[in-house]
Amino acid sequence: MDGELAAQRQHLELAGQAHLLRFWDELNEAERAELLGDLRGCHFAEITRFFERAMQVPAALQRQQKQIDEQMEPVPRDVQGSVGRDEGRLPEWEAEGLLRISENKVAVLLLAGGQGTRLGVSYPKGMYNIGLLSRKTLFQIQAERILKLQRLATEQFGHKCTIPWYIMTSGQTMESTEKFFAKNNYFGLEEGNVIFFQQGMLPAMTFDGKAILEGKSKISMAPDGNGGLYRALRNQKIVEDMEKRGIGFIHVYCVDNILVKVADPTFIGFCVKQQADCGAKVVEKTNPTEAVGVVCKVNGLYQVVEYSEIALTTAQRRNADGRLTFNAGNICNHFFTLKFLKKIVKDYEPKLRHHVAQKKIAFIDDRGQQIKPDRPNGIKLEKFVFDIFQFSKKFVVFEVLREDEFSPLKNADSQNGKDTPTTACQSLMSLHHRWVLNAGGKFVDENGTRIPDIPSSTTGMSEAVTAAVNDNLKELTDVPIKCEISALVSYAGEGLDKYVAGRDLRPPLIIDEKGVRELTTNGL
């Protein structure tokens, strides 16, 4: 250890980070090993370059950011697809996507590096029990959607196919995620087709570039943002693995969306038919001030502009049809060709500038006491997955209905009531409720009285439909109807007729491969 310590001390002095060893003499052997482990993962010459480049934004770029409203253009109609406005073409796109899946050309890439800190847990979000009737986690729901898609493609084209699942974790979530999957037998997927890899970690820094100690033996570390994906793909040779498997198209998404259509064949088929190298799935913004980034063009290049960067007058602009001009809400749901991804990893990733996020970061003061500041005292450096949109040669946007495909899990139920386990469960059960109605089923209460139907969402006007659904549901005593459908039975509402058509169903109930199971207050 002495030789390594001397080398680290020299390295830190050269990098201006010698303060990280100031409590060394007070540490026991285990604590010293912990600190050396953190230091091995910090290449401070490189980290210093990242910090300086992020903090020294060129004056021209600063002017551009201040004038971003003047340079913004909405997504042109000719690169858009929509489940509402292009309803007649959806079967064609879905067929194309299923064909590519059947040819083993499609992979899924899950961004799962974050912990469930805001949910009040220290383990990965994908492992969180959000309160479904089945007690399934997000990881299990998504795995079963992959399984179902493989079966649908196999049934249609007559030969077995595989959708490899690449899961990007972080230093905080890697071990627990791997163990969770192993414990649950990979939820029915083949172990060799579930590939874990780890994004990078970067130290939190003071405003003058000093790494922060959160404990005497612990550097404050954080994942390098979901845009750390591209560096991780290169460093861990994930792109080479995709190439060996013959993958041509990749669906990338975030773990926290309970409604995500994993490897959505309609989205993939749309992008392939448009000969796109990069695509983004979006939902229509519900109001001008909604806290969601907007997919648009800036200076002729596609990017996501965060809601905080847009002036209110720009956010409020509307078209002749009454829709917001900048309405393409980003939901971290993307399509890449492997060719495009290879070019990003090889040529463009090193050119991406880190974003600076000012944070309140717990730190150890000179007396060895941990301080939790009440205002930002440092920064975290991160890249975003959408930073590479600007390099696309053929970019497309696919608009879907929020109530069908987007309900993120971010906050605990004890917080502000938005994006919580309760709202996620309600979103999924509301979707499954509509699937049952569309398949010819009806719901009755404990007395056998028919429960009123809710309107189907077919217009593409998500705000209006959501309002109508919510107004109707407010009149019901059991809100929402507790109905959960296993993805192994139906991926997107198909194939339910044999289970529910012409039947009166009494919630709460689960529809899975065992059939329709009505639950009682005491269990099944």
Protein backbone atom coordinates (compact mmCIF):
# COMPACT_ATOMS: atom_id res chain seq x y z
CA MET A 1 0.00 0.00 0.00
CA ASP A 2 2.91 2.36 0.77
CA GLY A 3 4.12 2.31 -2.84
CA GLU A 4 0.64 3.00 -4.18
CA LEU A 5 0.12 5.76 -1.63
CA ALA A 6 3.33 7.52 -2.70
CA ALA A 7 2.30 7.30 -6.36
CA GLN A 8 -1.19 8.62 -5.60
CA ARG A 9 0.19 11.45 -3.48
CA GLN A 10 2.44 12.55 -6.35
CA HIS A 11 -0.43 12.26 -8.84
CA LEU A 12 -2.73 14.31 -6.63
CA GLU A 13 -0.15 17.03 -6.00
CA LEU A 14 0.40 17.45 -9.73
CA ALA A 15 -3.37 17.66 -10.28
CA GLY A 16 -3.95 20.13 -7.43
CA GLN A 17 -6.00 17.56 -5.48
CA ALA A 18 -3.64 16.79 -2.57
CA HIS A 19 -6.37 17.80 -0.08
CA LEU A 20 -8.03 14.42 -0.66
CA LEU A 21 -5.38 12.79 1.53
CA ARG A 22 -5.51 15.27 4.41
CA PHE A 23 -7.21 12.80 6.79
CA TRP A 24 -5.04 9.82 5.79
CA ASP A 25 -3.30 9.52 9.16
CA GLU A 26 -6.68 9.26 10.94
CA LEU A 27 -7.96 6.37 8.80
CA ASN A 28 -7.95 2.68 9.67
CA GLU A 29 -6.89 0.02 7.16
CA ALA A 30 -10.38 -0.51 5.73
CA GLU A 31 -10.93 3.22 5.29
CA ARG A 32 -7.55 3.65 3.62
CA ALA A 33 -8.40 0.84 1.19
CA GLU A 34 -11.74 2.55 0.45
CA LEU A 35 -10.09 5.88 -0.31
CA LEU A 36 -7.42 4.30 -2.51
CA GLY A 37 -10.19 2.49 -4.38
CA ASP A 38 -11.91 5.81 -5.10
CA LEU A 39 -8.63 7.38 -6.21
CA ARG A 40 -7.88 4.55 -8.63
CA GLY A 41 -11.08 5.43 -10.47
CA CYS A 42 -10.23 9.13 -10.75
CA HIS A 43 -7.96 10.18 -13.60
CA PHE A 44 -7.55 13.77 -12.53
CA ALA A 45 -5.61 15.02 -15.53
CA GLU A 46 -8.60 14.06 -17.67
CA ILE A 47 -11.16 15.19 -15.09
CA THR A 48 -9.48 18.60 -14.90
CA ARG A 49 -9.79 18.94 -18.68
CA PHE A 50 -13.49 18.05 -18.45
CA PHE A 51 -13.99 20.65 -15.70
CA GLU A 52 -12.14 23.45 -17.46
CA ARG A 53 -13.85 22.81 -20.78
CA ALA A 54 -17.29 22.73 -19.14
CA MET A 55 -16.70 25.89 -17.12
CA GLN A 56 -15.02 27.93 -19.84
CA VAL A 57 -17.92 28.09 -22.27
CA PRO A 58 -16.83 30.15 -25.30
CA ALA A 59 -18.35 33.61 -25.50
CA ALA A 60 -19.99 32.78 -28.83
CA LEU A 61 -21.72 29.77 -27.27
CA GLN A 62 -22.85 31.86 -24.31
CA ARG A 63 -24.43 34.37 -26.70
CA GLN A 64 -26.07 31.53 -28.59
CA GLN A 65 -27.57 30.13 -25.37
CA LYS A 66 -28.93 33.54 -24.39
CA GLN A 67 -30.51 33.97 -27.81
CA ILE A 68 -31.79 30.41 -28.11
CA ASP A 69 -35.41 31.48 -28.54
CA GLU A 70 -34.53 33.37 -31.71
CA GLN A 71 -32.83 30.30 -33.18
CA MET A 72 -35.45 27.67 -32.29
CA GLU A 73 -37.58 26.05 -34.98
CA PRO A 74 -40.26 23.39 -34.40
CA VAL A 75 -39.79 19.90 -35.80
CA PRO A 76 -40.84 19.95 -39.50
CA ARG A 77 -43.92 17.88 -40.34
CA ASP A 78 -42.05 15.88 -42.98
CA VAL A 79 -39.85 14.18 -40.36
CA GLN A 80 -42.72 13.45 -37.97
CA GLY A 81 -44.81 10.36 -37.46
CA SER A 82 -47.79 10.29 -35.12
CA VAL A 83 -50.01 7.55 -33.72
CA GLY A 84 -52.90 10.00 -33.99
CA ARG A 85 -52.38 11.69 -37.35
CA ASP A 86 -50.88 8.67 -39.15
CA GLU A 87 -53.21 5.98 -37.85
CA GLY A 88 -53.57 4.39 -41.27
CA ARG A 89 -49.83 3.72 -41.55
CA LEU A 90 -49.32 2.18 -38.11
CA PRO A 91 -49.88 -1.44 -39.28
CA GLU A 92 -47.25 -0.97 -42.02
CA TRP A 93 -44.70 0.39 -39.56
CA GLU A 94 -45.46 -2.29 -36.99
CA ALA A 95 -45.00 -5.03 -39.61
CA GLU A 96 -41.63 -3.56 -40.59
CA GLY A 97 -40.50 -3.45 -36.99
CA LEU A 98 -41.58 -7.05 -36.31
CA LEU A 99 -39.76 -8.16 -39.45
CA ARG A 100 -36.52 -6.57 -38.20
CA ILE A 101 -37.02 -8.17 -34.79
CA SER A 102 -37.56 -11.57 -36.44
CA GLU A 103 -34.27 -11.11 -38.30
CA ASN A 104 -32.42 -10.60 -34.98
CA LYS A 105 -31.58 -7.04 -36.05
CA VAL A 106 -33.02 -5.20 -33.02
CA ALA A 107 -31.42 -4.67 -29.60
CA VAL A 108 -32.68 -2.82 -26.55
CA LEU A 109 -30.49 -0.56 -24.43
CA LEU A 110 -31.72 0.36 -20.97
CA LEU A 111 -30.40 3.35 -19.02
CA ALA A 112 -30.50 2.18 -15.41
CA GLY A 113 -27.61 3.89 -13.64
CA GLY A 114 -29.62 5.80 -11.04
CA GLN A 115 -30.62 4.82 -7.53
CA GLY A 116 -34.11 5.29 -6.14
CA THR A 117 -32.96 8.03 -3.77
CA ARG A 118 -36.01 10.24 -4.33
CA LEU A 119 -38.20 7.18 -3.73
CA GLY A 120 -36.57 6.78 -0.34
CA VAL A 121 -34.50 3.69 -1.22
CA SER A 122 -30.82 3.16 -1.93
CA TYR A 123 -31.20 0.40 -4.52
CA PRO A 124 -31.91 0.75 -8.28
CA LYS A 125 -35.30 2.07 -9.42
CA GLY A 126 -35.85 -1.01 -11.55
CA MET A 127 -35.99 -3.16 -8.40
CA TYR A 128 -38.62 -1.02 -6.67
CA ASN A 129 -42.01 -2.56 -5.83
CA ILE A 130 -44.38 0.19 -6.95
CA GLY A 131 -47.50 -1.48 -5.59
CA LEU A 132 -48.98 -3.37 -8.55
CA LEU A 133 -51.41 -6.20 -7.87
CA SER A 134 -48.76 -8.64 -9.13
CA ARG A 135 -45.95 -6.94 -7.15
CA LYS A 136 -43.86 -6.89 -10.33
CA THR A 137 -40.94 -4.49 -10.56
CA LEU A 138 -40.08 -2.28 -13.53
CA PHE A 139 -37.28 -4.70 -14.48
CA GLN A 140 -39.72 -7.63 -14.62
CA ILE A 141 -42.37 -5.71 -16.58
CA GLN A 142 -39.80 -4.67 -19.19
CA ALA A 143 -38.27 -8.16 -19.42
CA GLU A 144 -41.70 -9.66 -20.04
CA ARG A 145 -42.40 -7.14 -22.80
CA ILE A 146 -39.21 -8.30 -24.52
CA LEU A 147 -40.25 -11.94 -24.12
CA LYS A 148 -43.68 -11.23 -25.58
CA LEU A 149 -42.24 -9.39 -28.59
CA GLN A 150 -39.89 -12.29 -29.31
CA ARG A 151 -42.87 -14.64 -29.24
CA LEU A 152 -44.98 -12.39 -31.49
CA ALA A 153 -42.21 -12.15 -34.08
CA THR A 154 -41.54 -15.89 -33.88
CA GLU A 155 -45.25 -16.70 -34.37
CA GLN A 156 -45.55 -14.37 -37.34
CA PHE A 157 -42.36 -15.37 -39.16
CA GLY A 158 -41.95 -18.97 -38.11
CA HIS A 159 -38.47 -18.98 -36.58
CA LYS A 160 -36.98 -18.17 -33.20
CA CYS A 161 -35.54 -14.71 -32.68
CA THR A 162 -33.76 -12.81 -29.93
CA ILE A 163 -33.79 -9.21 -28.72
CA PRO A 164 -30.55 -8.69 -26.74
CA TRP A 165 -31.00 -6.47 -23.68
CA TYR A 166 -28.06 -4.20 -22.84
CA ILE A 167 -28.40 -2.67 -19.38
CA MET A 168 -26.25 0.31 -18.43
CA THR A 169 -25.74 0.49 -14.68
CA SER A 170 -23.39 2.61 -12.58
CA GLY A 171 -20.92 2.00 -9.81
CA GLN A 172 -23.85 2.52 -7.42
CA THR A 173 -26.18 -0.02 -9.07
CA MET A 174 -24.11 -2.60 -10.97
CA GLU A 175 -23.71 -5.29 -8.30
CA SER A 176 -27.26 -5.11 -6.95
CA THR A 177 -28.76 -5.13 -10.47
CA GLU A 178 -26.77 -8.19 -11.54
CA LYS A 179 -27.69 -10.06 -8.36
CA PHE A 180 -31.37 -9.15 -8.75
CA PHE A 181 -31.51 -10.52 -12.28
CA ALA A 182 -29.65 -13.70 -11.31
CA LYS A 183 -31.94 -14.25 -8.31
CA ASN A 184 -34.99 -13.95 -10.58
CA ASN A 185 -33.55 -16.18 -13.35
CA TYR A 186 -33.40 -13.19 -15.72
CA PHE A 187 -37.21 -13.14 -15.73
CA GLY A 188 -37.31 -15.89 -18.36
CA LEU A 189 -34.77 -14.34 -20.73
CA GLU A 190 -31.61 -16.20 -21.67
CA GLU A 191 -28.75 -15.10 -19.43
CA GLY A 192 -26.38 -14.65 -22.38
CA ASN A 193 -28.76 -12.14 -23.97
CA VAL A 194 -28.82 -9.83 -20.94
CA ILE A 195 -25.61 -7.81 -21.02
CA PHE A 196 -24.69 -5.52 -18.11
CA PHE A 197 -22.18 -2.72 -18.43
CA GLN A 198 -21.25 0.22 -16.27
CA GLN A 199 -21.24 3.94 -16.98
CA GLY A 200 -18.46 6.12 -15.67
CA MET A 201 -18.37 7.99 -12.38
CA LEU A 202 -16.97 11.49 -11.84
CA PRO A 203 -16.18 13.31 -8.60
CA ALA A 204 -18.27 16.25 -7.50
CA MET A 205 -16.18 19.42 -7.65
CA THR A 206 -16.08 22.76 -5.91
CA PHE A 207 -16.54 25.82 -8.11
CA ASP A 208 -12.77 26.15 -8.32
CA GLY A 209 -12.19 22.57 -9.42
CA LYS A 210 -11.37 20.73 -6.20
CA ALA A 211 -12.81 17.22 -5.77
CA ILE A 212 -15.11 17.02 -2.74
CA LEU A 213 -14.70 14.58 0.15
CA GLU A 214 -18.09 13.47 1.50
CA GLY A 215 -16.35 11.52 4.26
CA LYS A 216 -12.78 11.31 5.50
CA SER A 217 -12.23 8.24 3.32
CA LYS A 218 -14.89 8.80 0.64
CA ILE A 219 -14.84 11.03 -2.43
CA SER A 220 -18.26 12.35 -3.46
CA MET A 221 -18.90 10.53 -6.75
CA ALA A 222 -21.82 10.54 -9.18
CA PRO A 223 -22.61 8.89 -12.54
CA ASP A 224 -21.52 10.98 -15.53
CA GLY A 225 -25.09 11.48 -16.81
CA ASN A 226 -27.06 9.27 -19.20
CA GLY A 227 -24.89 10.68 -21.98
CA GLY A 228 -22.04 8.78 -20.34
CA LEU A 229 -23.55 5.94 -22.36
CA TYR A 230 -21.35 6.61 -25.37
CA ARG A 231 -18.07 6.57 -23.48
CA ALA A 232 -19.15 3.37 -21.71
CA LEU A 233 -20.10 1.75 -25.01
CA ARG A 234 -16.59 2.41 -26.27
CA ASN A 235 -14.66 1.51 -23.14
CA GLN A 236 -16.52 -1.76 -22.57
CA LYS A 237 -16.70 -2.78 -26.24
CA ILE A 238 -20.49 -3.00 -26.27
CA VAL A 239 -20.73 -1.79 -29.87
CA GLU A 240 -18.41 -4.62 -30.92
CA ASP A 241 -20.72 -7.08 -29.17
CA MET A 242 -23.71 -5.66 -31.04
CA GLU A 243 -21.82 -5.96 -34.31
CA LYS A 244 -20.96 -9.61 -33.66
CA ARG A 245 -24.64 -10.34 -33.05
CA GLY A 246 -25.63 -8.70 -36.33
CA ILE A 247 -27.62 -5.90 -34.70
CA GLY A 248 -28.69 -3.07 -36.98
CA PHE A 249 -31.11 -1.03 -34.84
CA ILE A 250 -31.12 -0.06 -31.17
CA HIS A 251 -33.96 1.15 -28.96
CA VAL A 252 -32.70 3.25 -26.02
CA TYR A 253 -34.89 4.20 -23.07
CA CYS A 254 -34.88 5.10 -19.35
CA VAL A 255 -35.81 2.59 -16.67
CA ASP A 256 -38.35 4.73 -14.83
CA ASN A 257 -41.19 4.81 -17.40
CA ILE A 258 -43.72 2.13 -16.44
CA LEU A 259 -45.53 2.44 -19.79
CA VAL A 260 -42.47 2.14 -22.05
CA LYS A 261 -43.04 -0.05 -25.11
CA VAL A 262 -39.69 -1.81 -25.09
CA ALA A 263 -38.38 -2.37 -28.64
CA ASP A 264 -41.64 -0.88 -29.93
CA PRO A 265 -41.99 -2.41 -33.41
CA THR A 266 -44.11 0.52 -34.65
CA PHE A 267 -41.49 3.09 -33.63
CA ILE A 268 -38.65 0.97 -35.02
CA GLY A 269 -40.56 0.32 -38.24
CA PHE A 270 -41.31 4.01 -38.69
CA CYS A 271 -37.64 4.94 -38.27
CA VAL A 272 -36.48 2.19 -40.63
CA LYS A 273 -39.03 3.13 -43.29
CA GLN A 274 -37.90 6.76 -43.05
CA GLN A 275 -34.26 5.61 -43.43
CA ALA A 276 -33.45 7.51 -40.24
CA ASP A 277 -30.17 7.08 -38.39
CA CYS A 278 -31.58 8.63 -35.21
CA GLY A 279 -35.10 9.09 -33.87
CA ALA A 280 -36.87 10.39 -30.78
CA LYS A 281 -40.23 9.35 -29.43
CA VAL A 282 -42.10 12.32 -27.94
CA VAL A 283 -45.38 13.22 -26.27
CA GLU A 284 -47.33 16.43 -26.78
CA LYS A 285 -46.61 18.97 -24.05
CA THR A 286 -49.67 19.45 -21.86
CA ASN A 287 -49.08 23.14 -21.21
CA PRO A 288 -46.43 25.79 -21.96
CA THR A 289 -44.80 25.62 -18.53
CA GLU A 290 -44.61 21.83 -18.22
CA ALA A 291 -41.16 20.88 -16.90
CA VAL A 292 -40.06 18.79 -19.87
CA GLY A 293 -37.44 19.41 -22.55
CA VAL A 294 -38.52 20.11 -26.12
CA VAL A 295 -37.18 18.41 -29.24
CA CYS A 296 -36.63 21.08 -31.88
CA LYS A 297 -34.05 22.56 -34.25
CA VAL A 298 -31.56 25.20 -33.12
CA ASN A 299 -29.45 26.80 -35.80
CA GLY A 300 -30.59 24.07 -38.14
CA LEU A 301 -29.47 21.19 -35.88
CA TYR A 302 -31.73 18.93 -33.82
CA GLN A 303 -31.42 19.06 -30.07
CA VAL A 304 -33.42 19.05 -26.84
CA VAL A 305 -33.89 22.47 -25.27
CA GLU A 306 -34.66 22.32 -21.57
CA TYR A 307 -37.83 24.04 -20.39
CA SER A 308 -35.78 26.39 -18.18
CA GLU A 309 -33.92 27.72 -21.24
CA ILE A 310 -37.05 28.85 -23.10
CA ALA A 311 -38.71 32.23 -22.55
CA LEU A 312 -42.37 32.03 -21.51
CA THR A 313 -43.48 33.93 -24.63
CA THR A 314 -41.78 31.31 -26.81
CA ALA A 315 -43.21 28.41 -24.79
CA GLN A 316 -46.71 29.89 -25.17
CA ARG A 317 -46.62 30.22 -28.95
CA ARG A 318 -49.37 28.28 -30.70
CA ASN A 319 -50.10 27.19 -34.24
CA ALA A 320 -53.33 27.92 -36.13
CA ASP A 321 -54.77 24.61 -34.89
CA GLY A 322 -54.27 25.67 -31.28
CA ARG A 323 -51.42 23.26 -30.53
CA LEU A 324 -48.23 24.60 -28.95
CA THR A 325 -45.62 25.44 -31.58
CA PHE A 326 -42.91 23.78 -29.50
CA ASN A 327 -44.88 20.77 -28.33
CA ALA A 328 -42.54 17.79 -28.84
CA GLY A 329 -41.90 16.77 -25.24
CA ASN A 330 -38.77 14.64 -24.81
CA ILE A 331 -39.30 11.36 -22.88
CA CYS A 332 -35.82 9.79 -23.23
CA ASN A 333 -36.94 7.18 -25.73
CA HIS A 334 -34.70 6.93 -28.79
CA PHE A 335 -33.79 4.97 -31.92
CA PHE A 336 -30.28 4.62 -33.34
CA THR A 337 -28.86 2.63 -36.19
CA LEU A 338 -25.72 0.72 -35.26
CA LYS A 339 -23.85 2.58 -38.00
CA PHE A 340 -24.76 5.92 -36.40
CA LEU A 341 -23.92 4.68 -32.92
CA LYS A 342 -20.50 3.47 -34.05
CA LYS A 343 -19.73 6.88 -35.51
CA ILE A 344 -20.84 8.61 -32.31
CA VAL A 345 -18.69 6.37 -30.14
CA LYS A 346 -15.64 6.63 -32.39
CA ASP A 347 -15.71 10.23 -33.64
CA TYR A 348 -18.14 12.47 -31.76
CA GLU A 349 -18.25 11.41 -28.10
CA PRO A 350 -14.85 12.94 -27.24
CA LYS A 351 -16.06 16.27 -28.64
CA LEU A 352 -19.13 16.46 -26.41
CA ARG A 353 -18.88 19.09 -23.69
CA HIS A 354 -20.06 18.18 -20.17
CA HIS A 355 -23.02 20.06 -18.77
CA VAL A 356 -22.60 21.75 -15.39
CA ALA A 357 -25.21 21.09 -12.69
CA GLN A 358 -24.90 23.18 -9.54
CA LYS A 359 -25.75 21.03 -6.52
CA LYS A 360 -25.90 21.02 -2.74
CA ILE A 361 -23.15 18.50 -1.96
CA ALA A 362 -22.40 17.18 1.53
CA PHE A 363 -18.73 17.64 2.43
CA ILE A 364 -16.20 17.20 5.21
CA ASP A 365 -14.82 20.40 6.67
CA ASP A 366 -11.26 20.85 7.96
CA ARG A 367 -12.29 19.59 11.41
CA GLY A 368 -13.58 16.34 9.91
CA GLN A 369 -17.24 17.18 10.42
CA GLN A 370 -19.76 16.47 7.63
CA ILE A 371 -21.61 19.58 6.51
CA LYS A 372 -24.87 19.49 4.56
CA PRO A 373 -25.15 22.88 2.82
CA ASP A 374 -28.47 24.69 2.32
CA ARG A 375 -27.38 26.17 -1.01
CA PRO A 376 -25.35 24.90 -3.99
CA ASN A 377 -21.69 24.62 -3.08
CA GLY A 378 -20.34 22.63 -6.01
CA ILE A 379 -21.00 21.06 -9.38
CA LYS A 380 -21.53 17.69 -10.97
CA LEU A 381 -20.44 17.11 -14.56
CA GLU A 382 -22.71 15.15 -16.87
CA LYS A 383 -23.53 14.49 -20.49
CA PHE A 384 -27.01 13.80 -21.86
CA VAL A 385 -28.04 10.97 -24.14
CA PHE A 386 -29.66 13.46 -26.55
CA ASP A 387 -26.46 15.52 -26.98
CA ILE A 388 -25.74 13.52 -30.14
CA PHE A 389 -28.93 14.45 -32.03
CA GLN A 390 -26.97 17.26 -33.69
CA PHE A 391 -24.82 14.72 -35.56
CA SER A 392 -27.71 12.89 -37.20
CA LYS A 393 -27.93 12.95 -41.01
CA LYS A 394 -31.60 11.87 -41.00
CA PHE A 395 -33.44 12.61 -37.77
CA VAL A 396 -37.10 11.75 -37.20
CA VAL A 397 -39.66 12.28 -34.44
CA PHE A 398 -42.50 9.91 -33.50
CA GLU A 399 -45.33 11.34 -31.39
CA VAL A 400 -47.27 9.01 -29.12
CA LEU A 401 -50.05 9.48 -26.58
CA ARG A 402 -48.89 10.27 -23.08
CA GLU A 403 -51.61 8.16 -21.45
CA ASP A 404 -50.49 5.15 -23.50
CA GLU A 405 -46.72 5.44 -23.26
CA PHE A 406 -45.34 7.84 -20.65
CA SER A 407 -45.66 7.76 -16.89
CA PRO A 408 -42.29 8.16 -15.15
CA LEU A 409 -41.48 7.09 -11.60
CA LYS A 410 -39.42 9.79 -9.91
CA ASN A 411 -40.80 10.78 -6.51
CA ALA A 412 -42.02 9.07 -3.36
CA ASP A 413 -45.74 9.14 -2.60
CA SER A 414 -44.95 11.43 0.32
CA GLN A 415 -43.82 14.19 -2.03
CA ASN A 416 -45.77 16.42 -4.42
CA GLY A 417 -48.06 13.78 -5.87
CA LYS A 418 -46.51 13.83 -9.35
CA ASP A 419 -44.61 10.92 -10.95
CA THR A 420 -45.00 8.71 -7.88
CA PRO A 421 -45.56 4.96 -7.39
CA THR A 422 -49.28 5.70 -7.07
CA THR A 423 -49.49 7.66 -10.34
CA ALA A 424 -47.40 5.01 -12.13
CA CYS A 425 -49.72 2.22 -10.96
CA GLN A 426 -52.78 4.25 -11.92
CA SER A 427 -51.37 4.92 -15.38
CA LEU A 428 -50.74 1.23 -16.05
CA MET A 429 -54.10 0.10 -14.71
CA SER A 430 -55.91 2.82 -16.64
CA LEU A 431 -54.20 1.63 -19.84
CA HIS A 432 -55.12 -2.00 -19.11
CA HIS A 433 -58.69 -0.93 -18.28
CA ARG A 434 -58.99 0.56 -21.77
CA TRP A 435 -57.47 -2.56 -23.36
CA VAL A 436 -60.19 -4.69 -21.75
CA LEU A 437 -62.95 -2.37 -22.95
CA ASN A 438 -61.52 -2.34 -26.48
CA ALA A 439 -61.47 -6.16 -26.44
CA GLY A 440 -65.16 -6.32 -25.57
CA GLY A 441 -64.99 -6.80 -21.81
CA LYS A 442 -67.05 -4.96 -19.22
CA PHE A 443 -66.48 -4.24 -15.55
CA VAL A 444 -69.00 -4.68 -12.74
CA ASP A 445 -68.88 -3.71 -9.09
CA GLU A 446 -69.31 -6.08 -6.12
CA ASN A 447 -73.09 -5.95 -6.62
CA GLY A 448 -72.87 -6.92 -10.29
CA THR A 449 -73.74 -3.40 -11.51
CA ARG A 450 -71.97 -2.28 -14.69
CA ILE A 451 -69.24 0.31 -14.13
CA PRO A 452 -69.36 3.13 -16.74
CA ASP A 453 -66.86 2.90 -19.57
CA ILE A 454 -64.11 5.46 -20.11
CA PRO A 455 -63.46 7.01 -23.54
CA SER A 456 -60.81 5.50 -25.79
CA SER A 457 -57.83 7.67 -26.69
CA THR A 458 -57.86 7.71 -30.48
CA THR A 459 -57.80 11.37 -31.46
CA GLY A 460 -54.15 12.10 -30.88
CA MET A 461 -55.12 15.12 -28.76
CA SER A 462 -53.65 13.85 -25.52
CA GLU A 463 -54.59 16.84 -23.37
CA ALA A 464 -58.26 16.72 -24.31
CA VAL A 465 -58.50 12.94 -24.01
CA THR A 466 -56.77 12.89 -20.65
CA ALA A 467 -59.14 15.56 -19.34
CA ALA A 468 -62.17 13.58 -20.53
CA VAL A 469 -60.90 10.37 -19.01
CA ASN A 470 -60.09 12.04 -15.71
CA ASP A 471 -63.48 13.81 -15.56
CA ASN A 472 -65.25 10.50 -16.13
CA LEU A 473 -63.11 8.61 -13.64
CA LYS A 474 -63.78 11.19 -10.92
CA GLU A 475 -67.40 10.04 -10.91
CA LEU A 476 -66.45 6.45 -10.08
CA THR A 477 -66.14 5.18 -6.53
CA ASP A 478 -63.25 2.82 -7.36
CA VAL A 479 -60.59 4.98 -9.05
CA PRO A 480 -58.94 3.65 -11.05
CA ILE A 481 -60.34 0.20 -11.82
CA LYS A 482 -57.72 -2.21 -10.55
CA CYS A 483 -56.92 -4.32 -13.57
CA GLU A 484 -53.45 -5.55 -14.44
CA ILE A 485 -52.55 -7.46 -17.62
CA SER A 486 -49.31 -9.41 -17.87
CA ALA A 487 -47.09 -8.43 -20.80
CA LEU A 488 -46.74 -12.17 -21.44
CA VAL A 489 -50.43 -12.12 -22.41
CA SER A 490 -50.52 -8.84 -24.37
CA TYR A 491 -47.79 -6.43 -25.47
CA ALA A 492 -50.05 -3.59 -26.62
CA GLY A 493 -53.65 -4.70 -26.12
CA GLU A 494 -53.67 -7.45 -28.76
CA GLY A 495 -55.00 -10.97 -28.17
CA LEU A 496 -57.29 -10.18 -25.24
CA ASP A 497 -60.59 -11.12 -26.90
CA LYS A 498 -60.35 -14.76 -25.83
CA TYR A 499 -59.95 -13.69 -22.22
CA VAL A 500 -62.52 -10.90 -21.86
CA ALA A 501 -64.89 -10.55 -24.85
CA GLY A 502 -68.50 -10.55 -23.69
CA ARG A 503 -67.55 -11.07 -20.05
CA ASP A 504 -68.47 -9.13 -16.95
CA LEU A 505 -65.30 -8.72 -14.90
CA ARG A 506 -65.14 -7.86 -11.21
CA PRO A 507 -62.04 -5.87 -10.16
CA PRO A 508 -59.50 -6.08 -8.74
CA LEU A 509 -58.19 -8.63 -11.21
CA ILE A 510 -55.07 -9.89 -12.96
CA ILE A 511 -55.02 -11.30 -16.47
CA ASP A 512 -51.98 -13.50 -17.01
CA GLU A 513 -51.07 -16.78 -18.66
CA LYS A 514 -53.23 -18.61 -16.10
CA GLY A 515 -56.29 -16.68 -17.30
CA VAL A 516 -58.49 -14.05 -15.64
CA ARG A 517 -58.01 -14.06 -11.88
CA GLU A 518 -60.39 -11.97 -9.81
CA LEU A 519 -58.94 -10.99 -6.45
CA THR A 520 -60.74 -10.55 -3.15
CA THR A 521 -59.73 -8.45 -0.17
CA ASN A 522 -58.25 -11.61 1.32
CA GLY A 523 -56.25 -12.62 -1.77
CA LEU A 524 -56.97 -14.72 -4.88
